[in-house]
Amino acid sequence: MNSLTIEDTLPEGTFNSGLSENQIRALKLVKKIGKKLISEHPEIAEAYLQDDDLQTYLKVAKDYISDAEQFPQVASRAVGYAIRRLVPKETLSNLTKVRNGKRLENFFDGFDSEKFREHCRNASKKRHESGIGVDTDAMIKARGMTPWSEDEKAYALKLSKNAEYQHTSGSQKGKPDYDLIALELNITYHDCKEVRYQNSVASFVRDSRRKGKKD
């Protein structure tokens, strides 16, 4: 199996700076490598779907990109880009829920453990002490998810209007490229971890726009 190499195509300064220009160059590189993975190694889809609750994009990348460990952010993002185009959205969504659930269960040593029951009691106590019925952020975190900060929300909406983050061809030309926006958010706010996805970003932007029209 021939491995891809990132080093020869990696723009200078990529992922070493918080500058928006470098981030955009990095995201474009991710798409370039991702597309090459799709055309040359479509079997990575099966590799990612294998029965491994701890499977990650980076673990898969190490088998297909020779310098994945040297450039882990680029490698894992490129594999993620390819996987999201090779695997049906519903399949990925269900797999993510199952894996997140199992990781959360492992964290609490099982949902029937005293550790988990204590967590639920503390969460309930905090909600009552704060005078609110439901702590939305706490519920989101308890599910292994990350709530949106106000800064991240504003940035996502800003990117959706930026031509650099819009499709440049095809039927979606001129519309937001939510996959590219998700990658940018993960780099800027989540230390390159796979937190935001195309579907969640699209839903947030569309909902915000609908609410804006009503207001």
N, C-alpha and C. Protein backbone atom coordinates (compact mmCIF):
# COMPACT_ATOMS: atom_id res chain seq x y z
N MET A 1 0.84 -1.20 0.00
CA MET A 1 0.00 0.00 0.00
C MET A 1 0.87 1.25 0.00
N ASN A 2 0.69 2.13 -0.96
CA ASN A 2 1.46 3.36 -1.04
C ASN A 2 0.90 4.40 -0.08
N SER A 3 1.77 4.98 0.74
CA SER A 3 1.34 5.99 1.69
C SER A 3 1.48 7.38 1.09
N LEU A 4 0.56 8.26 1.46
CA LEU A 4 0.66 9.66 1.03
C LEU A 4 1.64 10.37 1.94
N THR A 5 2.16 11.51 1.49
CA THR A 5 3.09 12.29 2.29
C THR A 5 2.61 13.72 2.37
N ILE A 6 2.57 14.24 3.58
CA ILE A 6 2.08 15.61 3.81
C ILE A 6 3.19 16.63 3.63
N GLU A 7 4.40 16.30 4.06
CA GLU A 7 5.49 17.28 4.15
C GLU A 7 5.74 18.03 2.85
N ASP A 8 5.68 17.34 1.72
CA ASP A 8 6.01 17.98 0.44
C ASP A 8 4.99 19.04 0.04
N THR A 9 3.77 18.95 0.58
CA THR A 9 2.73 19.90 0.16
C THR A 9 2.29 20.82 1.28
N LEU A 10 2.91 20.71 2.47
CA LEU A 10 2.49 21.49 3.62
C LEU A 10 2.96 22.93 3.51
N PRO A 11 2.02 23.91 3.51
CA PRO A 11 2.41 25.32 3.43
C PRO A 11 3.20 25.74 4.67
N GLU A 12 4.20 26.56 4.47
CA GLU A 12 5.04 27.01 5.58
C GLU A 12 4.20 27.73 6.63
N GLY A 13 4.40 27.36 7.88
CA GLY A 13 3.68 28.01 8.98
C GLY A 13 2.33 27.42 9.27
N THR A 14 1.88 26.46 8.47
CA THR A 14 0.56 25.90 8.67
C THR A 14 0.44 25.23 10.03
N PHE A 15 -0.64 25.52 10.74
CA PHE A 15 -0.94 24.99 12.06
C PHE A 15 0.06 25.45 13.12
N ASN A 16 0.93 26.39 12.76
CA ASN A 16 1.86 26.94 13.74
C ASN A 16 1.52 28.39 14.05
N SER A 17 0.43 28.87 13.52
CA SER A 17 0.05 30.26 13.73
C SER A 17 -1.45 30.38 13.83
N GLY A 18 -1.90 31.39 14.55
CA GLY A 18 -3.33 31.59 14.68
C GLY A 18 -3.88 32.52 13.61
N LEU A 19 -3.03 32.92 12.68
CA LEU A 19 -3.45 33.84 11.64
C LEU A 19 -4.48 33.19 10.73
N SER A 20 -5.49 33.93 10.40
CA SER A 20 -6.57 33.40 9.58
C SER A 20 -6.06 32.93 8.22
N GLU A 21 -5.08 33.63 7.65
CA GLU A 21 -4.56 33.26 6.34
C GLU A 21 -3.95 31.86 6.37
N ASN A 22 -3.18 31.58 7.41
CA ASN A 22 -2.56 30.27 7.53
C ASN A 22 -3.60 29.18 7.77
N GLN A 23 -4.62 29.51 8.53
CA GLN A 23 -5.68 28.54 8.79
C GLN A 23 -6.40 28.17 7.50
N ILE A 24 -6.67 29.17 6.68
CA ILE A 24 -7.35 28.92 5.42
C ILE A 24 -6.49 28.05 4.51
N ARG A 25 -5.19 28.33 4.46
CA ARG A 25 -4.28 27.53 3.64
C ARG A 25 -4.25 26.08 4.15
N ALA A 26 -4.28 25.94 5.46
CA ALA A 26 -4.27 24.60 6.04
C ALA A 26 -5.54 23.84 5.69
N LEU A 27 -6.66 24.52 5.75
CA LEU A 27 -7.93 23.88 5.44
C LEU A 27 -7.98 23.44 3.98
N LYS A 28 -7.44 24.25 3.11
CA LYS A 28 -7.40 23.89 1.69
C LYS A 28 -6.50 22.67 1.48
N LEU A 29 -5.41 22.60 2.24
CA LEU A 29 -4.52 21.45 2.15
C LEU A 29 -5.24 20.18 2.62
N VAL A 30 -6.02 20.32 3.68
CA VAL A 30 -6.79 19.18 4.20
C VAL A 30 -7.72 18.64 3.11
N LYS A 31 -8.38 19.55 2.42
CA LYS A 31 -9.30 19.12 1.35
C LYS A 31 -8.54 18.43 0.22
N LYS A 32 -7.37 18.96 -0.12
CA LYS A 32 -6.57 18.38 -1.21
C LYS A 32 -6.15 16.95 -0.88
N ILE A 33 -5.64 16.75 0.33
CA ILE A 33 -5.20 15.42 0.74
C ILE A 33 -6.40 14.50 0.90
N GLY A 34 -7.49 15.04 1.44
CA GLY A 34 -8.70 14.25 1.61
C GLY A 34 -9.23 13.71 0.30
N LYS A 35 -9.23 14.54 -0.72
CA LYS A 35 -9.71 14.12 -2.03
C LYS A 35 -8.80 13.03 -2.62
N LYS A 36 -7.49 13.15 -2.35
CA LYS A 36 -6.55 12.15 -2.85
C LYS A 36 -6.78 10.81 -2.15
N LEU A 37 -7.09 10.87 -0.86
CA LEU A 37 -7.39 9.64 -0.13
C LEU A 37 -8.64 8.96 -0.70
N ILE A 38 -9.62 9.75 -1.05
CA ILE A 38 -10.86 9.20 -1.61
C ILE A 38 -10.59 8.47 -2.92
N SER A 39 -9.77 9.07 -3.76
CA SER A 39 -9.51 8.48 -5.08
C SER A 39 -8.55 7.30 -5.04
N GLU A 40 -7.57 7.36 -4.12
CA GLU A 40 -6.54 6.31 -4.09
C GLU A 40 -6.77 5.25 -3.01
N HIS A 41 -7.47 5.61 -1.94
CA HIS A 41 -7.67 4.66 -0.83
C HIS A 41 -9.10 4.70 -0.30
N PRO A 42 -10.07 4.40 -1.11
CA PRO A 42 -11.46 4.41 -0.62
C PRO A 42 -11.71 3.38 0.48
N GLU A 43 -10.79 2.43 0.62
CA GLU A 43 -10.95 1.40 1.65
C GLU A 43 -10.80 1.94 3.07
N ILE A 44 -10.38 3.21 3.20
CA ILE A 44 -10.25 3.78 4.55
C ILE A 44 -11.60 3.85 5.25
N ALA A 45 -12.67 3.86 4.47
CA ALA A 45 -14.01 3.89 5.06
C ALA A 45 -14.23 2.65 5.92
N GLU A 46 -13.88 1.49 5.37
CA GLU A 46 -14.03 0.24 6.12
C GLU A 46 -13.10 0.22 7.34
N ALA A 47 -11.92 0.80 7.19
CA ALA A 47 -10.97 0.84 8.29
C ALA A 47 -11.53 1.64 9.46
N TYR A 48 -12.21 2.73 9.15
CA TYR A 48 -12.78 3.57 10.21
C TYR A 48 -14.01 2.94 10.84
N LEU A 49 -14.76 2.17 10.05
CA LEU A 49 -16.01 1.58 10.55
C LEU A 49 -15.80 0.30 11.33
N GLN A 50 -14.57 -0.19 11.40
CA GLN A 50 -14.33 -1.45 12.09
C GLN A 50 -14.73 -1.36 13.56
N ASP A 51 -14.97 -2.51 14.17
CA ASP A 51 -15.49 -2.57 15.53
C ASP A 51 -14.42 -2.19 16.55
N ASP A 52 -14.24 -0.88 16.72
CA ASP A 52 -13.24 -0.37 17.66
C ASP A 52 -13.79 0.93 18.25
N ASP A 53 -14.23 0.89 19.49
CA ASP A 53 -14.84 2.06 20.12
C ASP A 53 -13.88 3.22 20.26
N LEU A 54 -12.58 2.94 20.20
CA LEU A 54 -11.57 3.98 20.36
C LEU A 54 -10.97 4.39 19.01
N GLN A 55 -11.60 3.96 17.92
CA GLN A 55 -11.09 4.30 16.60
C GLN A 55 -11.15 5.81 16.37
N THR A 56 -10.10 6.38 15.80
CA THR A 56 -10.06 7.80 15.52
C THR A 56 -9.53 8.03 14.11
N TYR A 57 -9.73 9.24 13.61
CA TYR A 57 -9.22 9.59 12.29
C TYR A 57 -7.70 9.46 12.26
N LEU A 58 -7.04 9.85 13.35
CA LEU A 58 -5.59 9.80 13.38
C LEU A 58 -5.08 8.37 13.34
N LYS A 59 -5.74 7.45 14.03
CA LYS A 59 -5.33 6.05 14.00
C LYS A 59 -5.41 5.49 12.58
N VAL A 60 -6.45 5.88 11.86
CA VAL A 60 -6.58 5.45 10.47
C VAL A 60 -5.51 6.11 9.61
N ALA A 61 -5.27 7.39 9.86
CA ALA A 61 -4.30 8.15 9.07
C ALA A 61 -2.91 7.53 9.11
N LYS A 62 -2.53 6.97 10.24
CA LYS A 62 -1.19 6.38 10.39
C LYS A 62 -0.96 5.23 9.42
N ASP A 63 -2.04 4.60 8.95
CA ASP A 63 -1.91 3.49 8.01
C ASP A 63 -1.86 3.96 6.55
N TYR A 64 -2.23 5.21 6.31
CA TYR A 64 -2.33 5.68 4.92
C TYR A 64 -1.49 6.91 4.61
N ILE A 65 -1.04 7.62 5.64
CA ILE A 65 -0.22 8.82 5.43
C ILE A 65 1.10 8.61 6.16
N SER A 66 2.18 8.56 5.43
CA SER A 66 3.47 8.16 6.01
C SER A 66 3.96 9.06 7.13
N ASP A 67 3.67 10.37 7.06
CA ASP A 67 4.14 11.28 8.11
C ASP A 67 2.99 11.81 8.96
N ALA A 68 2.00 10.95 9.19
CA ALA A 68 0.83 11.35 9.97
C ALA A 68 1.21 11.77 11.39
N GLU A 69 2.16 11.08 11.99
CA GLU A 69 2.56 11.41 13.36
C GLU A 69 3.30 12.74 13.42
N GLN A 70 3.93 13.12 12.34
CA GLN A 70 4.65 14.39 12.29
C GLN A 70 3.69 15.56 12.11
N PHE A 71 2.60 15.31 11.36
CA PHE A 71 1.59 16.34 11.11
C PHE A 71 0.20 15.79 11.47
N PRO A 72 -0.03 15.50 12.75
CA PRO A 72 -1.28 14.83 13.16
C PRO A 72 -2.55 15.63 12.87
N GLN A 73 -2.47 16.96 13.01
CA GLN A 73 -3.67 17.76 12.78
C GLN A 73 -4.12 17.67 11.32
N VAL A 74 -3.17 17.84 10.42
CA VAL A 74 -3.48 17.77 8.99
C VAL A 74 -3.95 16.38 8.61
N ALA A 75 -3.24 15.38 9.08
CA ALA A 75 -3.55 13.99 8.72
C ALA A 75 -4.94 13.58 9.18
N SER A 76 -5.26 13.86 10.44
CA SER A 76 -6.56 13.44 10.97
C SER A 76 -7.70 14.20 10.31
N ARG A 77 -7.48 15.49 10.03
CA ARG A 77 -8.54 16.27 9.37
C ARG A 77 -8.76 15.78 7.94
N ALA A 78 -7.68 15.40 7.27
CA ALA A 78 -7.79 14.91 5.89
C ALA A 78 -8.57 13.60 5.84
N VAL A 79 -8.29 12.70 6.78
CA VAL A 79 -9.02 11.43 6.85
C VAL A 79 -10.49 11.70 7.16
N GLY A 80 -10.75 12.63 8.08
CA GLY A 80 -12.13 12.97 8.41
C GLY A 80 -12.87 13.50 7.19
N TYR A 81 -12.19 14.32 6.40
CA TYR A 81 -12.80 14.86 5.18
C TYR A 81 -13.20 13.73 4.24
N ALA A 82 -12.29 12.76 4.08
CA ALA A 82 -12.56 11.64 3.18
C ALA A 82 -13.67 10.73 3.72
N ILE A 83 -13.61 10.43 5.00
CA ILE A 83 -14.61 9.54 5.61
C ILE A 83 -16.01 10.11 5.46
N ARG A 84 -16.16 11.41 5.67
CA ARG A 84 -17.49 12.02 5.60
C ARG A 84 -18.06 12.01 4.19
N ARG A 85 -17.22 11.74 3.21
CA ARG A 85 -17.70 11.66 1.83
C ARG A 85 -17.83 10.22 1.33
N LEU A 86 -17.21 9.31 2.03
CA LEU A 86 -17.28 7.89 1.64
C LEU A 86 -18.35 7.12 2.41
N VAL A 87 -18.70 7.62 3.59
CA VAL A 87 -19.65 6.91 4.45
C VAL A 87 -20.95 7.72 4.54
N PRO A 88 -22.10 7.08 4.38
CA PRO A 88 -23.39 7.79 4.47
C PRO A 88 -23.53 8.55 5.79
N LYS A 89 -24.16 9.72 5.75
CA LYS A 89 -24.29 10.56 6.93
C LYS A 89 -25.00 9.84 8.07
N GLU A 90 -26.04 9.09 7.74
CA GLU A 90 -26.80 8.39 8.77
C GLU A 90 -25.93 7.34 9.47
N THR A 91 -25.11 6.65 8.69
CA THR A 91 -24.22 5.64 9.26
C THR A 91 -23.21 6.29 10.21
N LEU A 92 -22.63 7.40 9.77
CA LEU A 92 -21.66 8.10 10.62
C LEU A 92 -22.31 8.64 11.88
N SER A 93 -23.51 9.19 11.73
CA SER A 93 -24.22 9.75 12.87
C SER A 93 -24.50 8.67 13.91
N ASN A 94 -24.99 7.52 13.46
CA ASN A 94 -25.28 6.42 14.39
C ASN A 94 -24.01 5.89 15.05
N LEU A 95 -22.93 5.80 14.24
CA LEU A 95 -21.66 5.31 14.78
C LEU A 95 -21.12 6.26 15.84
N THR A 96 -21.23 7.56 15.59
CA THR A 96 -20.75 8.56 16.55
C THR A 96 -21.51 8.47 17.86
N LYS A 97 -22.82 8.30 17.77
CA LYS A 97 -23.64 8.19 18.98
C LYS A 97 -23.24 6.96 19.79
N VAL A 98 -23.06 5.84 19.10
CA VAL A 98 -22.70 4.60 19.79
C VAL A 98 -21.33 4.73 20.45
N ARG A 99 -20.35 5.26 19.70
CA ARG A 99 -18.99 5.38 20.26
C ARG A 99 -18.94 6.39 21.40
N ASN A 100 -19.64 7.53 21.25
CA ASN A 100 -19.65 8.51 22.33
C ASN A 100 -20.31 7.94 23.58
N GLY A 101 -21.39 7.17 23.35
CA GLY A 101 -22.09 6.56 24.48
C GLY A 101 -21.19 5.58 25.23
N LYS A 102 -20.44 4.77 24.46
CA LYS A 102 -19.56 3.78 25.09
C LYS A 102 -18.39 4.46 25.80
N ARG A 103 -17.88 5.54 25.22
CA ARG A 103 -16.79 6.27 25.86
C ARG A 103 -17.27 6.90 27.16
N LEU A 104 -18.50 7.44 27.13
CA LEU A 104 -19.07 8.05 28.33
C LEU A 104 -19.31 6.98 29.39
N GLU A 105 -19.80 5.82 28.96
CA GLU A 105 -20.05 4.72 29.89
C GLU A 105 -18.74 4.25 30.52
N ASN A 106 -17.68 4.18 29.72
CA ASN A 106 -16.37 3.78 30.25
C ASN A 106 -15.85 4.80 31.25
N PHE A 107 -16.11 6.08 30.97
CA PHE A 107 -15.65 7.14 31.87
C PHE A 107 -16.28 7.00 33.25
N PHE A 108 -17.58 6.64 33.26
CA PHE A 108 -18.29 6.50 34.54
C PHE A 108 -18.24 5.07 35.09
N ASP A 109 -17.46 4.21 34.45
CA ASP A 109 -17.39 2.80 34.87
C ASP A 109 -18.75 2.13 34.78
N GLY A 110 -19.53 2.55 33.78
CA GLY A 110 -20.86 1.95 33.59
C GLY A 110 -21.95 2.89 34.06
N PHE A 111 -23.08 2.87 33.37
CA PHE A 111 -24.19 3.76 33.73
C PHE A 111 -24.94 3.29 34.98
N ASP A 112 -24.63 2.10 35.46
CA ASP A 112 -25.24 1.61 36.69
C ASP A 112 -24.27 1.73 37.87
N SER A 113 -23.17 2.45 37.64
CA SER A 113 -22.16 2.58 38.69
C SER A 113 -22.53 3.69 39.67
N GLU A 114 -21.94 3.63 40.85
CA GLU A 114 -22.16 4.67 41.85
C GLU A 114 -21.58 6.00 41.37
N LYS A 115 -20.51 5.93 40.60
CA LYS A 115 -19.90 7.14 40.05
C LYS A 115 -20.88 7.90 39.17
N PHE A 116 -21.62 7.18 38.32
CA PHE A 116 -22.58 7.83 37.43
C PHE A 116 -23.77 8.36 38.22
N ARG A 117 -24.24 7.57 39.20
CA ARG A 117 -25.38 8.03 40.00
C ARG A 117 -25.01 9.29 40.79
N GLU A 118 -23.77 9.33 41.28
CA GLU A 118 -23.31 10.50 42.01
C GLU A 118 -23.25 11.72 41.09
N HIS A 119 -22.83 11.50 39.87
CA HIS A 119 -22.78 12.58 38.88
C HIS A 119 -24.19 13.14 38.65
N CYS A 120 -25.17 12.27 38.50
CA CYS A 120 -26.55 12.70 38.27
C CYS A 120 -27.09 13.47 39.47
N ARG A 121 -26.77 12.99 40.68
CA ARG A 121 -27.24 13.68 41.89
C ARG A 121 -26.64 15.07 41.98
N ASN A 122 -25.34 15.19 41.70
CA ASN A 122 -24.69 16.49 41.75
C ASN A 122 -25.25 17.45 40.71
N ALA A 123 -25.51 16.93 39.51
CA ALA A 123 -26.06 17.76 38.44
C ALA A 123 -27.44 18.28 38.82
N SER A 124 -28.26 17.39 39.39
CA SER A 124 -29.61 17.78 39.81
C SER A 124 -29.55 18.82 40.92
N LYS A 125 -28.63 18.62 41.87
CA LYS A 125 -28.47 19.56 42.97
C LYS A 125 -28.07 20.94 42.47
N LYS A 126 -27.16 20.97 41.53
CA LYS A 126 -26.70 22.25 40.98
C LYS A 126 -27.83 22.97 40.25
N ARG A 127 -28.66 22.22 39.54
CA ARG A 127 -29.78 22.84 38.82
C ARG A 127 -30.75 23.48 39.81
N HIS A 128 -31.05 22.77 40.88
CA HIS A 128 -31.99 23.31 41.87
C HIS A 128 -31.40 24.51 42.59
N GLU A 129 -30.11 24.46 42.90
CA GLU A 129 -29.46 25.57 43.59
C GLU A 129 -29.42 26.82 42.73
N SER A 130 -29.33 26.63 41.42
CA SER A 130 -29.26 27.78 40.51
C SER A 130 -30.65 28.34 40.20
N GLY A 131 -31.68 27.61 40.62
CA GLY A 131 -33.03 28.10 40.41
C GLY A 131 -33.58 27.85 39.03
N ILE A 132 -32.96 26.95 38.28
CA ILE A 132 -33.45 26.64 36.94
C ILE A 132 -33.79 25.17 36.85
N GLY A 133 -34.69 24.86 35.95
CA GLY A 133 -35.14 23.47 35.81
C GLY A 133 -34.15 22.59 35.09
N VAL A 134 -33.49 23.14 34.07
CA VAL A 134 -32.58 22.34 33.25
C VAL A 134 -31.33 23.15 32.95
N ASP A 135 -30.18 22.55 33.18
CA ASP A 135 -28.89 23.14 32.82
C ASP A 135 -28.49 22.57 31.47
N THR A 136 -28.79 23.31 30.41
CA THR A 136 -28.58 22.81 29.05
C THR A 136 -27.12 22.46 28.79
N ASP A 137 -26.21 23.34 29.19
CA ASP A 137 -24.79 23.07 28.95
C ASP A 137 -24.34 21.81 29.68
N ALA A 138 -24.84 21.61 30.92
CA ALA A 138 -24.46 20.43 31.68
C ALA A 138 -24.96 19.16 31.00
N MET A 139 -26.18 19.23 30.46
CA MET A 139 -26.73 18.07 29.77
C MET A 139 -25.92 17.76 28.52
N ILE A 140 -25.53 18.79 27.79
CA ILE A 140 -24.74 18.60 26.58
C ILE A 140 -23.39 17.97 26.92
N LYS A 141 -22.74 18.49 27.96
CA LYS A 141 -21.44 17.96 28.37
C LYS A 141 -21.56 16.52 28.85
N ALA A 142 -22.65 16.21 29.56
CA ALA A 142 -22.85 14.86 30.07
C ALA A 142 -23.00 13.85 28.95
N ARG A 143 -23.41 14.31 27.79
CA ARG A 143 -23.54 13.42 26.63
C ARG A 143 -22.24 13.33 25.84
N GLY A 144 -21.20 13.92 26.39
CA GLY A 144 -19.91 13.87 25.70
C GLY A 144 -19.80 14.91 24.60
N MET A 145 -20.65 15.92 24.65
CA MET A 145 -20.65 16.96 23.61
C MET A 145 -20.13 18.27 24.19
N THR A 146 -19.88 19.24 23.32
CA THR A 146 -19.33 20.53 23.73
C THR A 146 -20.28 21.66 23.35
N PRO A 147 -20.78 22.43 24.32
CA PRO A 147 -21.68 23.54 24.01
C PRO A 147 -20.96 24.64 23.24
N TRP A 148 -21.72 25.43 22.51
CA TRP A 148 -21.17 26.53 21.71
C TRP A 148 -20.98 27.76 22.59
N SER A 149 -19.82 28.39 22.49
CA SER A 149 -19.62 29.67 23.16
C SER A 149 -20.19 30.76 22.27
N GLU A 150 -20.43 31.92 22.84
CA GLU A 150 -20.98 33.03 22.05
C GLU A 150 -19.99 33.47 20.96
N ASP A 151 -18.70 33.43 21.29
CA ASP A 151 -17.68 33.81 20.30
C ASP A 151 -17.68 32.84 19.13
N GLU A 152 -17.81 31.55 19.44
CA GLU A 152 -17.80 30.55 18.37
C GLU A 152 -19.04 30.69 17.48
N LYS A 153 -20.17 30.97 18.10
CA LYS A 153 -21.40 31.18 17.33
C LYS A 153 -21.24 32.35 16.35
N ALA A 154 -20.71 33.46 16.88
CA ALA A 154 -20.53 34.65 16.05
C ALA A 154 -19.55 34.39 14.91
N TYR A 155 -18.49 33.63 15.21
CA TYR A 155 -17.48 33.34 14.19
C TYR A 155 -18.05 32.43 13.10
N ALA A 156 -18.85 31.46 13.50
CA ALA A 156 -19.47 30.55 12.52
C ALA A 156 -20.37 31.32 11.56
N LEU A 157 -21.14 32.24 12.10
CA LEU A 157 -22.03 33.05 11.26
C LEU A 157 -21.22 33.95 10.33
N LYS A 158 -20.11 34.48 10.85
CA LYS A 158 -19.24 35.34 10.04
C LYS A 158 -18.63 34.55 8.89
N LEU A 159 -18.16 33.34 9.17
CA LEU A 159 -17.54 32.51 8.13
C LEU A 159 -18.55 32.11 7.06
N SER A 160 -19.80 31.91 7.45
CA SER A 160 -20.82 31.50 6.49
C SER A 160 -21.08 32.56 5.42
N LYS A 161 -20.67 33.80 5.72
CA LYS A 161 -20.86 34.90 4.78
C LYS A 161 -19.57 35.26 4.03
N ASN A 162 -18.48 34.55 4.38
CA ASN A 162 -17.17 34.81 3.79
C ASN A 162 -16.99 33.97 2.52
N ALA A 163 -16.64 34.61 1.42
CA ALA A 163 -16.49 33.91 0.14
C ALA A 163 -15.45 32.81 0.19
N GLU A 164 -14.45 32.97 1.08
CA GLU A 164 -13.41 31.95 1.22
C GLU A 164 -13.97 30.63 1.76
N TYR A 165 -15.13 30.71 2.39
CA TYR A 165 -15.75 29.53 3.00
C TYR A 165 -17.06 29.16 2.32
N GLN A 166 -17.12 29.44 1.03
CA GLN A 166 -18.30 29.10 0.23
C GLN A 166 -17.89 28.22 -0.94
N HIS A 167 -18.82 27.41 -1.41
CA HIS A 167 -18.53 26.55 -2.55
C HIS A 167 -18.24 27.42 -3.78
N THR A 168 -17.29 27.00 -4.56
CA THR A 168 -16.89 27.79 -5.73
C THR A 168 -17.38 27.21 -7.06
N SER A 169 -18.06 26.06 -7.00
CA SER A 169 -18.55 25.45 -8.24
C SER A 169 -19.72 24.51 -7.93
N GLY A 170 -20.36 24.04 -8.98
CA GLY A 170 -21.46 23.09 -8.81
C GLY A 170 -22.75 23.73 -8.37
N SER A 171 -23.71 22.91 -8.01
CA SER A 171 -25.04 23.40 -7.64
C SER A 171 -25.02 24.20 -6.34
N GLN A 172 -23.96 24.00 -5.52
CA GLN A 172 -23.86 24.71 -4.24
C GLN A 172 -23.02 25.98 -4.34
N LYS A 173 -22.63 26.36 -5.53
CA LYS A 173 -21.77 27.53 -5.71
C LYS A 173 -22.36 28.77 -5.02
N GLY A 174 -21.52 29.43 -4.23
CA GLY A 174 -21.94 30.63 -3.54
C GLY A 174 -22.58 30.37 -2.18
N LYS A 175 -22.83 29.09 -1.87
CA LYS A 175 -23.43 28.74 -0.58
C LYS A 175 -22.32 28.32 0.40
N PRO A 176 -22.58 28.43 1.70
CA PRO A 176 -21.55 28.10 2.70
C PRO A 176 -21.06 26.66 2.57
N ASP A 177 -19.74 26.48 2.69
CA ASP A 177 -19.14 25.16 2.72
C ASP A 177 -19.03 24.78 4.19
N TYR A 178 -20.06 24.12 4.71
CA TYR A 178 -20.14 23.85 6.14
C TYR A 178 -19.05 22.91 6.63
N ASP A 179 -18.56 22.06 5.76
CA ASP A 179 -17.47 21.17 6.14
C ASP A 179 -16.20 21.99 6.39
N LEU A 180 -15.94 22.94 5.53
CA LEU A 180 -14.76 23.80 5.67
C LEU A 180 -14.91 24.68 6.92
N ILE A 181 -16.12 25.17 7.17
CA ILE A 181 -16.37 26.00 8.35
C ILE A 181 -16.15 25.18 9.63
N ALA A 182 -16.63 23.93 9.61
CA ALA A 182 -16.46 23.05 10.78
C ALA A 182 -14.98 22.84 11.07
N LEU A 183 -14.18 22.62 10.02
CA LEU A 183 -12.75 22.44 10.20
C LEU A 183 -12.11 23.68 10.82
N GLU A 184 -12.52 24.84 10.34
CA GLU A 184 -11.98 26.10 10.86
C GLU A 184 -12.34 26.27 12.33
N LEU A 185 -13.56 25.96 12.70
CA LEU A 185 -13.99 26.07 14.10
C LEU A 185 -13.21 25.11 14.99
N ASN A 186 -12.97 23.91 14.50
CA ASN A 186 -12.23 22.93 15.28
C ASN A 186 -10.78 23.36 15.50
N ILE A 187 -10.21 24.02 14.51
CA ILE A 187 -8.84 24.52 14.63
C ILE A 187 -8.77 25.70 15.60
N THR A 188 -9.71 26.61 15.47
CA THR A 188 -9.68 27.85 16.24
C THR A 188 -10.11 27.68 17.68
N TYR A 189 -11.16 26.87 17.91
CA TYR A 189 -11.75 26.78 19.25
C TYR A 189 -11.54 25.44 19.97
N HIS A 190 -11.13 24.41 19.25
CA HIS A 190 -11.11 23.09 19.88
C HIS A 190 -9.77 22.35 19.72
N ASP A 191 -8.70 23.12 19.54
CA ASP A 191 -7.36 22.53 19.49
C ASP A 191 -7.27 21.41 18.45
N CYS A 192 -7.93 21.63 17.32
CA CYS A 192 -7.90 20.69 16.20
C CYS A 192 -8.61 19.36 16.49
N LYS A 193 -9.36 19.28 17.56
CA LYS A 193 -10.10 18.07 17.87
C LYS A 193 -11.40 18.03 17.06
N GLU A 194 -11.90 16.83 16.80
CA GLU A 194 -13.10 16.66 15.99
C GLU A 194 -14.33 16.92 16.87
N VAL A 195 -14.72 18.20 16.99
CA VAL A 195 -15.84 18.60 17.84
C VAL A 195 -17.05 19.03 17.01
N ARG A 196 -16.81 19.91 16.04
CA ARG A 196 -17.89 20.38 15.17
C ARG A 196 -17.89 19.59 13.87
N TYR A 197 -19.09 19.32 13.36
CA TYR A 197 -19.24 18.56 12.12
C TYR A 197 -20.08 19.37 11.13
N GLN A 198 -20.03 18.96 9.88
CA GLN A 198 -20.75 19.66 8.82
C GLN A 198 -22.23 19.84 9.17
N ASN A 199 -22.89 18.76 9.61
CA ASN A 199 -24.32 18.82 9.88
C ASN A 199 -24.66 19.76 11.03
N SER A 200 -23.88 19.69 12.11
CA SER A 200 -24.18 20.53 13.27
C SER A 200 -23.96 22.01 12.97
N VAL A 201 -22.92 22.31 12.19
CA VAL A 201 -22.67 23.71 11.82
C VAL A 201 -23.77 24.23 10.90
N ALA A 202 -24.16 23.40 9.94
CA ALA A 202 -25.22 23.80 9.02
C ALA A 202 -26.52 24.06 9.77
N SER A 203 -26.85 23.20 10.71
CA SER A 203 -28.09 23.36 11.48
C SER A 203 -28.05 24.64 12.30
N PHE A 204 -26.89 24.91 12.93
CA PHE A 204 -26.77 26.12 13.74
C PHE A 204 -26.94 27.37 12.89
N VAL A 205 -26.23 27.43 11.77
CA VAL A 205 -26.29 28.62 10.91
C VAL A 205 -27.70 28.84 10.38
N ARG A 206 -28.33 27.78 9.90
CA ARG A 206 -29.68 27.90 9.35
C ARG A 206 -30.70 28.31 10.41
N ASP A 207 -30.58 27.73 11.59
CA ASP A 207 -31.50 28.09 12.68
C ASP A 207 -31.32 29.54 13.08
N SER A 208 -30.07 29.98 13.14
CA SER A 208 -29.78 31.37 13.51
C SER A 208 -30.34 32.34 12.50
N ARG A 209 -30.23 31.97 11.22
CA ARG A 209 -30.76 32.83 10.17
C ARG A 209 -32.28 32.91 10.23
N ARG A 210 -32.91 31.75 10.51
CA ARG A 210 -34.39 31.75 10.62
C ARG A 210 -34.84 32.62 11.79
N LYS A 211 -34.15 32.50 12.92
CA LYS A 211 -34.49 33.30 14.09
C LYS A 211 -34.28 34.79 13.80
N GLY A 212 -33.22 35.09 13.04
CA GLY A 212 -32.93 36.47 12.69
C GLY A 212 -34.03 37.10 11.85
N LYS A 213 -34.59 36.29 10.93
CA LYS A 213 -35.67 36.80 10.08
C LYS A 213 -36.92 37.07 10.90
N LYS A 214 -37.19 36.19 11.89
CA LYS A 214 -38.38 36.36 12.72
C LYS A 214 -38.27 37.60 13.58
N ASP A 215 -37.05 37.86 14.07
CA ASP A 215 -36.82 39.03 14.90
C ASP A 215 -36.88 40.32 14.10
